[in-house]
C-alpha atoms as a PDB file:
ATOM      1  CA  MET A   1      49.707  17.514 186.598  1.00  0.00           C
ATOM      2  CA  SER A   2      52.057  14.770 187.741  1.00  0.00           C
ATOM      3  CA  ASP A   3      51.167  12.642 190.756  1.00  0.00           C
ATOM      4  CA  PRO A   4      54.198  13.089 193.042  1.00  0.00           C
ATOM      5  CA  THR A   5      53.137  10.221 195.302  1.00  0.00           C
ATOM      6  CA  ASN A   6      53.491   7.718 192.437  1.00  0.00           C
ATOM      7  CA  GLN A   7      50.365   5.965 193.743  1.00  0.00           C
ATOM      8  CA  PRO A   8      47.785   4.159 191.578  1.00  0.00           C
ATOM      9  CA  LEU A   9      45.515   6.982 190.420  1.00  0.00           C
ATOM     10  CA  ASP A  10      42.170   6.766 188.664  1.00  0.00           C
ATOM     11  CA  LYS A  11      41.432   9.912 186.666  1.00  0.00           C
ATOM     12  CA  SER A  12      38.241  11.164 185.075  1.00  0.00           C
ATOM     13  CA  ALA A  13      36.887  14.519 183.977  1.00  0.00           C
ATOM     14  CA  ILE A  14      35.246  15.066 187.362  1.00  0.00           C
ATOM     15  CA  SER A  15      37.655  13.585 189.926  1.00  0.00           C
ATOM     16  CA  TRP A  16      40.913  11.868 190.732  1.00  0.00           C
ATOM     17  CA  HIS A  17      40.941   9.089 193.266  1.00  0.00           C
ATOM     18  CA  HIS A  18      43.320   6.618 194.861  1.00  0.00           C
ATOM     19  CA  PRO A  19      41.653   3.256 195.560  1.00  0.00           C
ATOM     20  CA  ARG A  20      44.349   2.303 198.086  1.00  0.00           C
ATOM     21  CA  GLU A  21      45.961   3.806 201.161  1.00  0.00           C
ATOM     22  CA  THR A  22      47.907   6.977 200.365  1.00  0.00           C
ATOM     23  CA  PRO A  23      50.836   8.717 202.089  1.00  0.00           C
ATOM     24  CA  PRO A  24      50.124  11.293 204.810  1.00  0.00           C
ATOM     25  CA  TYR A  25      48.636  14.604 203.600  1.00  0.00           C
ATOM     26  CA  THR A  26      47.444  12.932 200.372  1.00  0.00           C
ATOM     27  CA  PRO A  27      43.661  12.681 199.848  1.00  0.00           C
ATOM     28  CA  ASN A  28      42.069   9.597 198.337  1.00  0.00           C
ATOM     29  CA  LEU A  29      39.605  11.705 196.349  1.00  0.00           C
ATOM     30  CA  VAL A  30      39.995  15.120 194.724  1.00  0.00           C
ATOM     31  CA  THR A  31      36.920  16.626 193.100  1.00  0.00           C
ATOM     32  CA  LEU A  32      37.521  18.551 189.861  1.00  0.00           C
ATOM     33  CA  VAL A  33      34.060  20.010 189.212  1.00  0.00           C
ATOM     34  CA  PRO A  34      31.606  21.746 191.570  1.00  0.00           C
ATOM     35  CA  ASP A  35      28.550  19.816 190.442  1.00  0.00           C
ATOM     36  CA  GLN A  36      28.193  16.068 189.792  1.00  0.00           C
ATOM     37  CA  VAL A  37      27.563  15.569 193.515  1.00  0.00           C
ATOM     38  CA  ASP A  38      25.814  12.233 192.971  1.00  0.00           C
ATOM     39  CA  SER A  39      28.798  10.944 191.012  1.00  0.00           C
ATOM     40  CA  HIS A  40      31.158  12.064 193.756  1.00  0.00           C
ATOM     41  CA  LEU A  41      29.017  10.306 196.374  1.00  0.00           C
ATOM     42  CA  TYR A  42      29.083   7.128 194.294  1.00  0.00           C
ATOM     43  CA  THR A  43      32.881   7.283 194.110  1.00  0.00           C
ATOM     44  CA  ILE A  44      33.034   7.796 197.871  1.00  0.00           C
ATOM     45  CA  SER A  45      30.815   4.755 198.460  1.00  0.00           C
ATOM     46  CA  THR A  46      33.087   2.706 196.204  1.00  0.00           C
ATOM     47  CA  LEU A  47      36.224   3.852 198.009  1.00  0.00           C
ATOM     48  CA  ARG A  48      34.692   2.931 201.366  1.00  0.00           C
ATOM     49  CA  THR A  49      34.606  -0.709 200.272  1.00  0.00           C
ATOM     50  CA  THR A  50      38.402  -0.785 199.812  1.00  0.00           C
ATOM     51  CA  LEU A  51      39.693   1.662 202.443  1.00  0.00           C
ATOM     52  CA  ASN A  52      39.674   0.578 206.064  1.00  0.00           C
ATOM     53  CA  ASN A  53      41.789   3.207 207.812  1.00  0.00           C
ATOM     54  CA  SER A  54      41.266   6.947 208.083  1.00  0.00           C
ATOM     55  CA  TRP A  55      41.248   8.691 204.690  1.00  0.00           C
ATOM     56  CA  ALA A  56      40.607  12.125 203.247  1.00  0.00           C
ATOM     57  CA  ILE A  57      38.655  13.907 200.527  1.00  0.00           C
ATOM     58  CA  LYS A  58      39.655  17.220 198.953  1.00  0.00           C
ATOM     59  CA  ASP A  59      36.308  18.847 198.218  1.00  0.00           C
ATOM     60  CA  SER A  60      37.752  21.387 195.801  1.00  0.00           C
ATOM     61  CA  PHE A  61      34.643  23.589 195.645  1.00  0.00           C
ATOM     62  CA  ALA A  62      33.166  22.955 199.120  1.00  0.00           C
ATOM     63  CA  THR A  63      29.981  21.533 197.588  1.00  0.00           C
ATOM     64  CA  LEU A  64      29.777  18.227 199.458  1.00  0.00           C
ATOM     65  CA  ASP A  65      28.030  17.578 202.774  1.00  0.00           C
ATOM     66  CA  LEU A  66      29.578  14.421 204.170  1.00  0.00           C
ATOM     67  CA  GLU A  67      28.765  14.606 207.880  1.00  0.00           C
ATOM     68  CA  THR A  68      25.961  12.068 207.552  1.00  0.00           C
ATOM     69  CA  LEU A  69      28.494   9.662 206.017  1.00  0.00           C
ATOM     70  CA  GLY A  70      30.730   9.894 209.074  1.00  0.00           C
ATOM     71  CA  PHE A  71      33.215  12.441 207.758  1.00  0.00           C
ATOM     72  CA  LYS A  72      34.311  15.577 209.585  1.00  0.00           C
ATOM     73  CA  VAL A  73      35.853  18.772 208.258  1.00  0.00           C
ATOM     74  CA  LEU A  74      39.626  18.804 208.740  1.00  0.00           C
ATOM     75  CA  PHE A  75      39.982  22.389 207.532  1.00  0.00           C
ATOM     76  CA  GLU A  76      38.387  25.073 205.363  1.00  0.00           C
ATOM     77  CA  ALA A  77      40.482  27.028 202.886  1.00  0.00           C
ATOM     78  CA  ARG A  78      40.309  29.577 200.101  1.00  0.00           C
ATOM     79  CA  TRP A  79      41.664  29.212 196.585  1.00  0.00           C
ATOM     80  CA  LEU A  80      44.134  31.922 195.646  1.00  0.00           C
ATOM     81  CA  TRP A  81      44.671  33.341 192.154  1.00  0.00           C
ATOM     82  CA  LEU A  82      47.320  35.721 190.886  1.00  0.00           C
ATOM     83  CA  ASP A  83      46.929  37.013 187.343  1.00  0.00           C
ATOM     84  CA  PRO A  84      50.245  37.320 185.477  1.00  0.00           C
ATOM     85  CA  ASN A  85      49.490  40.959 184.664  1.00  0.00           C
ATOM     86  CA  ARG A  86      48.693  41.951 188.225  1.00  0.00           C
ATOM     87  CA  SER A  87      51.328  44.023 190.019  1.00  0.00           C
ATOM     88  CA  LEU A  88      52.404  42.787 193.440  1.00  0.00           C
ATOM     89  CA  TYR A  89      51.469  45.040 196.328  1.00  0.00           C
ATOM     90  CA  ASN A  90      54.604  43.926 198.125  1.00  0.00           C
ATOM     91  CA  SER A  91      57.559  42.130 196.574  1.00  0.00           C
ATOM     92  CA  ALA A  92      60.250  42.897 199.137  1.00  0.00           C
ATOM     93  CA  SER A  93      62.195  39.792 200.197  1.00  0.00           C
ATOM     94  CA  SER A  94      65.794  39.152 201.211  1.00  0.00           C
ATOM     95  CA  ILE A  95      65.439  35.374 200.828  1.00  0.00           C
ATOM     96  CA  LYS A  96      67.463  33.805 198.024  1.00  0.00           C
ATOM     97  CA  TRP A  97      65.654  31.042 196.128  1.00  0.00           C
ATOM     98  CA  SER A  98      67.025  28.166 194.061  1.00  0.00           C
ATOM     99  CA  ARG A  99      65.802  24.868 192.674  1.00  0.00           C
ATOM    100  CA  VAL A 100      66.671  21.660 194.538  1.00  0.00           C
ATOM    101  CA  ARG A 101      68.699  19.563 192.096  1.00  0.00           C
ATOM    102  CA  ASP A 102      70.305  16.724 194.058  1.00  0.00           C
ATOM    103  CA  GLU A 103      69.477  14.169 196.722  1.00  0.00           C
ATOM    104  CA  PRO A 104      71.408  15.777 199.616  1.00  0.00           C
ATOM    105  CA  ASP A 105      69.671  19.118 199.038  1.00  0.00           C
ATOM    106  CA  LEU A 106      66.297  17.377 198.840  1.00  0.00           C
ATOM    107  CA  GLU A 107      66.979  15.705 202.189  1.00  0.00           C
ATOM    108  CA  ARG A 108      67.851  19.075 203.716  1.00  0.00           C
ATOM    109  CA  TRP A 109      64.714  20.615 202.206  1.00  0.00           C
ATOM    110  CA  GLU A 110      62.454  17.876 203.576  1.00  0.00           C
ATOM    111  CA  HIS A 111      64.109  18.018 206.989  1.00  0.00           C
ATOM    112  CA  LYS A 112      63.315  21.733 207.247  1.00  0.00           C
ATOM    113  CA  TRP A 113      59.769  21.167 205.915  1.00  0.00           C
ATOM    114  CA  ARG A 114      59.258  18.556 208.649  1.00  0.00           C
ATOM    115  CA  THR A 115      60.284  20.993 211.362  1.00  0.00           C
ATOM    116  CA  TYR A 116      57.488  23.331 210.314  1.00  0.00           C
ATOM    117  CA  GLN A 117      54.983  20.478 210.001  1.00  0.00           C
ATOM    118  CA  ASP A 118      56.075  19.126 213.402  1.00  0.00           C
ATOM    119  CA  THR A 119      55.840  15.567 212.120  1.00  0.00           C
ATOM    120  CA  ASP A 120      57.839  12.360 212.241  1.00  0.00           C
ATOM    121  CA  ILE A 121      56.071  10.649 209.324  1.00  0.00           C
ATOM    122  CA  PRO A 122      58.128   8.525 206.899  1.00  0.00           C
ATOM    123  CA  ARG A 123      59.843  10.238 204.018  1.00  0.00           C
ATOM    124  CA  MET A 124      57.366  12.074 201.794  1.00  0.00           C
ATOM    125  CA  PHE A 125      59.364  13.398 198.835  1.00  0.00           C
ATOM    126  CA  PRO A 126      61.239  10.774 196.777  1.00  0.00           C
ATOM    127  CA  SER A 127      64.326  11.709 194.799  1.00  0.00           C
ATOM    128  CA  ARG A 128      62.556  11.088 191.460  1.00  0.00           C
ATOM    129  CA  LEU A 129      60.738  14.410 191.983  1.00  0.00           C
ATOM    130  CA  ILE A 130      63.975  16.256 191.234  1.00  0.00           C
ATOM    131  CA  ASN A 131      63.879  15.126 187.604  1.00  0.00           C
ATOM    132  CA  LEU A 132      60.188  15.679 186.828  1.00  0.00           C
ATOM    133  CA  GLU A 133      59.647  18.279 184.109  1.00  0.00           C
ATOM    134  CA  ASP A 134      56.441  19.715 185.567  1.00  0.00           C
ATOM    135  CA  VAL A 135      57.462  19.780 189.247  1.00  0.00           C
ATOM    136  CA  SER A 136      60.101  21.981 190.913  1.00  0.00           C
ATOM    137  CA  ILE A 137      61.163  21.890 194.547  1.00  0.00           C
ATOM    138  CA  ILE A 138      62.425  25.305 195.602  1.00  0.00           C
ATOM    139  CA  ALA A 139      64.630  26.106 198.606  1.00  0.00           C
ATOM    140  CA  GLY A 140      65.023  29.502 200.254  1.00  0.00           C
ATOM    141  CA  ARG A 141      68.148  30.649 202.083  1.00  0.00           C
ATOM    142  CA  ASP A 142      69.384  33.889 203.590  1.00  0.00           C
ATOM    143  CA  ASP A 143      72.260  33.691 201.106  1.00  0.00           C
ATOM    144  CA  LEU A 144      73.421  31.302 198.410  1.00  0.00           C
ATOM    145  CA  SER A 145      76.783  30.402 199.952  1.00  0.00           C
ATOM    146  CA  GLU A 146      77.658  26.706 200.015  1.00  0.00           C
ATOM    147  CA  ASN A 147      76.856  26.114 203.678  1.00  0.00           C
ATOM    148  CA  SER A 148      73.869  28.427 204.033  1.00  0.00           C
ATOM    149  CA  PRO A 149      70.983  26.482 205.644  1.00  0.00           C
ATOM    150  CA  ILE A 150      67.535  26.194 204.096  1.00  0.00           C
ATOM    151  CA  ILE A 151      65.054  28.380 205.967  1.00  0.00           C
ATOM    152  CA  ALA A 152      62.042  28.251 203.615  1.00  0.00           C
ATOM    153  CA  GLY A 153      60.697  26.409 200.627  1.00  0.00           C
ATOM    154  CA  PHE A 154      57.822  25.468 198.363  1.00  0.00           C
ATOM    155  CA  ILE A 155      56.899  23.265 195.419  1.00  0.00           C
ATOM    156  CA  THR A 156      55.609  24.330 192.018  1.00  0.00           C
ATOM    157  CA  CYS A 157      53.617  22.204 189.605  1.00  0.00           C
ATOM    158  CA  ARG A 158      52.844  23.220 186.025  1.00  0.00           C
ATOM    159  CA  SER A 159      49.453  22.207 184.681  1.00  0.00           C
ATOM    160  CA  GLU A 160      47.119  23.379 181.908  1.00  0.00           C
ATOM    161  CA  GLY A 161      48.475  26.904 181.615  1.00  0.00           C
ATOM    162  CA  VAL A 162      48.811  27.633 185.335  1.00  0.00           C
ATOM    163  CA  ILE A 163      51.486  27.257 187.984  1.00  0.00           C
ATOM    164  CA  GLY A 164      50.436  25.765 191.293  1.00  0.00           C
ATOM    165  CA  ILE A 165      52.316  26.572 194.490  1.00  0.00           C
ATOM    166  CA  SER A 166      52.136  24.155 197.410  1.00  0.00           C
ATOM    167  CA  ASN A 167      53.968  23.205 200.602  1.00  0.00           C
ATOM    168  CA  LEU A 168      55.055  26.798 201.224  1.00  0.00           C
ATOM    169  CA  PHE A 169      56.899  27.039 204.530  1.00  0.00           C
ATOM    170  CA  GLY A 170      59.207  29.359 206.409  1.00  0.00           C
ATOM    171  CA  PRO A 171      59.796  31.178 209.691  1.00  0.00           C
ATOM    172  CA  SER A 172      56.834  32.581 211.567  1.00  0.00           C
ATOM    173  CA  GLY A 173      56.645  36.347 211.329  1.00  0.00           C
ATOM    174  CA  ARG A 174      58.078  36.417 207.801  1.00  0.00           C
ATOM    175  CA  GLU A 175      54.935  35.273 205.970  1.00  0.00           C
ATOM    176  CA  ASP A 176      54.716  38.332 203.706  1.00  0.00           C
ATOM    177  CA  GLU A 177      58.384  38.130 202.768  1.00  0.00           C
ATOM    178  CA  ILE A 178      58.176  34.397 202.081  1.00  0.00           C
ATOM    179  CA  ARG A 179      55.044  34.713 199.939  1.00  0.00           C
ATOM    180  CA  ALA A 180      56.402  37.723 198.057  1.00  0.00           C
ATOM    181  CA  GLY A 181      59.782  36.131 197.426  1.00  0.00           C
ATOM    182  CA  ALA A 182      58.322  32.809 196.314  1.00  0.00           C
ATOM    183  CA  THR A 183      55.894  34.591 193.990  1.00  0.00           C
ATOM    184  CA  LYS A 184      58.590  36.742 192.415  1.00  0.00           C
ATOM    185  CA  PHE A 185      60.786  33.672 191.878  1.00  0.00           C
ATOM    186  CA  VAL A 186      57.944  31.849 190.113  1.00  0.00           C
ATOM    187  CA  ARG A 187      57.168  34.877 187.972  1.00  0.00           C
ATOM    188  CA  ASP A 188      60.819  35.223 187.007  1.00  0.00           C
ATOM    189  CA  THR A 189      61.078  31.569 185.970  1.00  0.00           C
ATOM    190  CA  GLU A 190      57.528  30.950 184.678  1.00  0.00           C
ATOM    191  CA  ALA A 191      56.688  34.115 182.770  1.00  0.00           C
ATOM    192  CA  ASP A 192      53.097  34.843 181.702  1.00  0.00           C
ATOM    193  CA  SER A 193      51.483  32.081 183.766  1.00  0.00           C
ATOM    194  CA  PRO A 194      48.840  32.697 186.422  1.00  0.00           C
ATOM    195  CA  ILE A 195      49.655  31.302 189.865  1.00  0.00           C
ATOM    196  CA  VAL A 196      47.231  29.313 192.016  1.00  0.00           C
ATOM    197  CA  ASP A 197      47.422  28.119 195.609  1.00  0.00           C
ATOM    198  CA  TYR A 198      45.196  27.759 198.649  1.00  0.00           C
ATOM    199  CA  GLU A 199      45.543  28.635 202.328  1.00  0.00           C
ATOM    200  CA  GLY A 200      43.462  27.953 205.418  1.00  0.00           C
ATOM    201  CA  VAL A 201      40.624  30.259 206.378  1.00  0.00           C
ATOM    202  CA  GLY A 202      41.730  32.690 209.072  1.00  0.00           C
ATOM    203  CA  SER A 203      45.420  31.826 208.691  1.00  0.00           C
ATOM    204  CA  GLU A 204      48.247  34.337 208.599  1.00  0.00           C
ATOM    205  CA  GLU A 205      49.378  32.659 205.368  1.00  0.00           C
ATOM    206  CA  LEU A 206      46.080  33.542 203.681  1.00  0.00           C
ATOM    207  CA  ALA A 207      46.283  37.120 204.920  1.00  0.00           C
ATOM    208  CA  ALA A 208      49.875  37.396 203.683  1.00  0.00           C
ATOM    209  CA  ALA A 209      48.936  36.143 200.218  1.00  0.00           C
ATOM    210  CA  GLU A 210      46.184  38.758 199.948  1.00  0.00           C
ATOM    211  CA  ARG A 211      48.538  41.488 201.150  1.00  0.00           C
ATOM    212  CA  VAL A 212      50.993  40.492 198.418  1.00  0.00           C
ATOM    213  CA  GLY A 213      48.289  40.700 195.730  1.00  0.00           C
ATOM    214  CA  TYR A 214      46.571  37.327 195.417  1.00  0.00           C
ATOM    215  CA  GLU A 215      42.791  37.169 195.124  1.00  0.00           C
ATOM    216  CA  ALA A 216      40.748  34.725 197.192  1.00  0.00           C
ATOM    217  CA  VAL A 217      38.433  33.310 194.524  1.00  0.00           C
ATOM    218  CA  GLY A 218      36.558  30.393 196.057  1.00  0.00           C
ATOM    219  CA  PRO A 219      36.242  27.935 198.937  1.00  0.00           C
ATOM    220  CA  LEU A 220      37.526  24.416 199.362  1.00  0.00           C
ATOM    221  CA  ARG A 221      37.181  21.927 202.170  1.00  0.00           C
ATOM    222  CA  VAL A 222      39.079  18.829 203.271  1.00  0.00           C
ATOM    223  CA  TRP A 223      37.130  15.995 204.894  1.00  0.00           C
ATOM    224  CA  VAL A 224      38.446  13.055 206.897  1.00  0.00           C
ATOM    225  CA  CYS A 225      36.864   9.927 208.300  1.00  0.00           C
END
């Protein structure tokens, strides 16, 4: 998987970690295996010597207990899996989806994403993302006319035989339609690949994904200090 932040990234078979400050919403450590807890704790202790401000850990299997180290749980989530052969329970959607292919459209996409995040952070999505082979930024509109505004969106990332969906957003009350439409678009453009994602425990987005046909297959947890 590409690193969209373009930050220095140390990779191993058990984790990825950024030894320096990262952009908002980007963890400094992502665990890749459920065991190797001692190794993860060693990496955390190493990162603490170089990171002074608040930083985050994506505990991908919810196997770490970091409260005694001064971390707190930011949120709990569930991994989602959709087998390519599984029929969707609900695929109805009037939203029209298309790939973002130029800088002006990317700016419009990020502006709408920000409205749903309710944030004024610096720009998150650089224009180089448009040209990455394994990353696609997708915009949703009520129609595909030239001046139709973006109302929804998501990002896909291709990695090791799966398609990851992230940053899914759209109007409240249309969660099922947004999830169904995004899923159908990915299936139409990425045939025969399973789809993975995660959503927060107890969220309407998680419930919508399950109503569409995704399976909740395991926990994850994000820690901050």
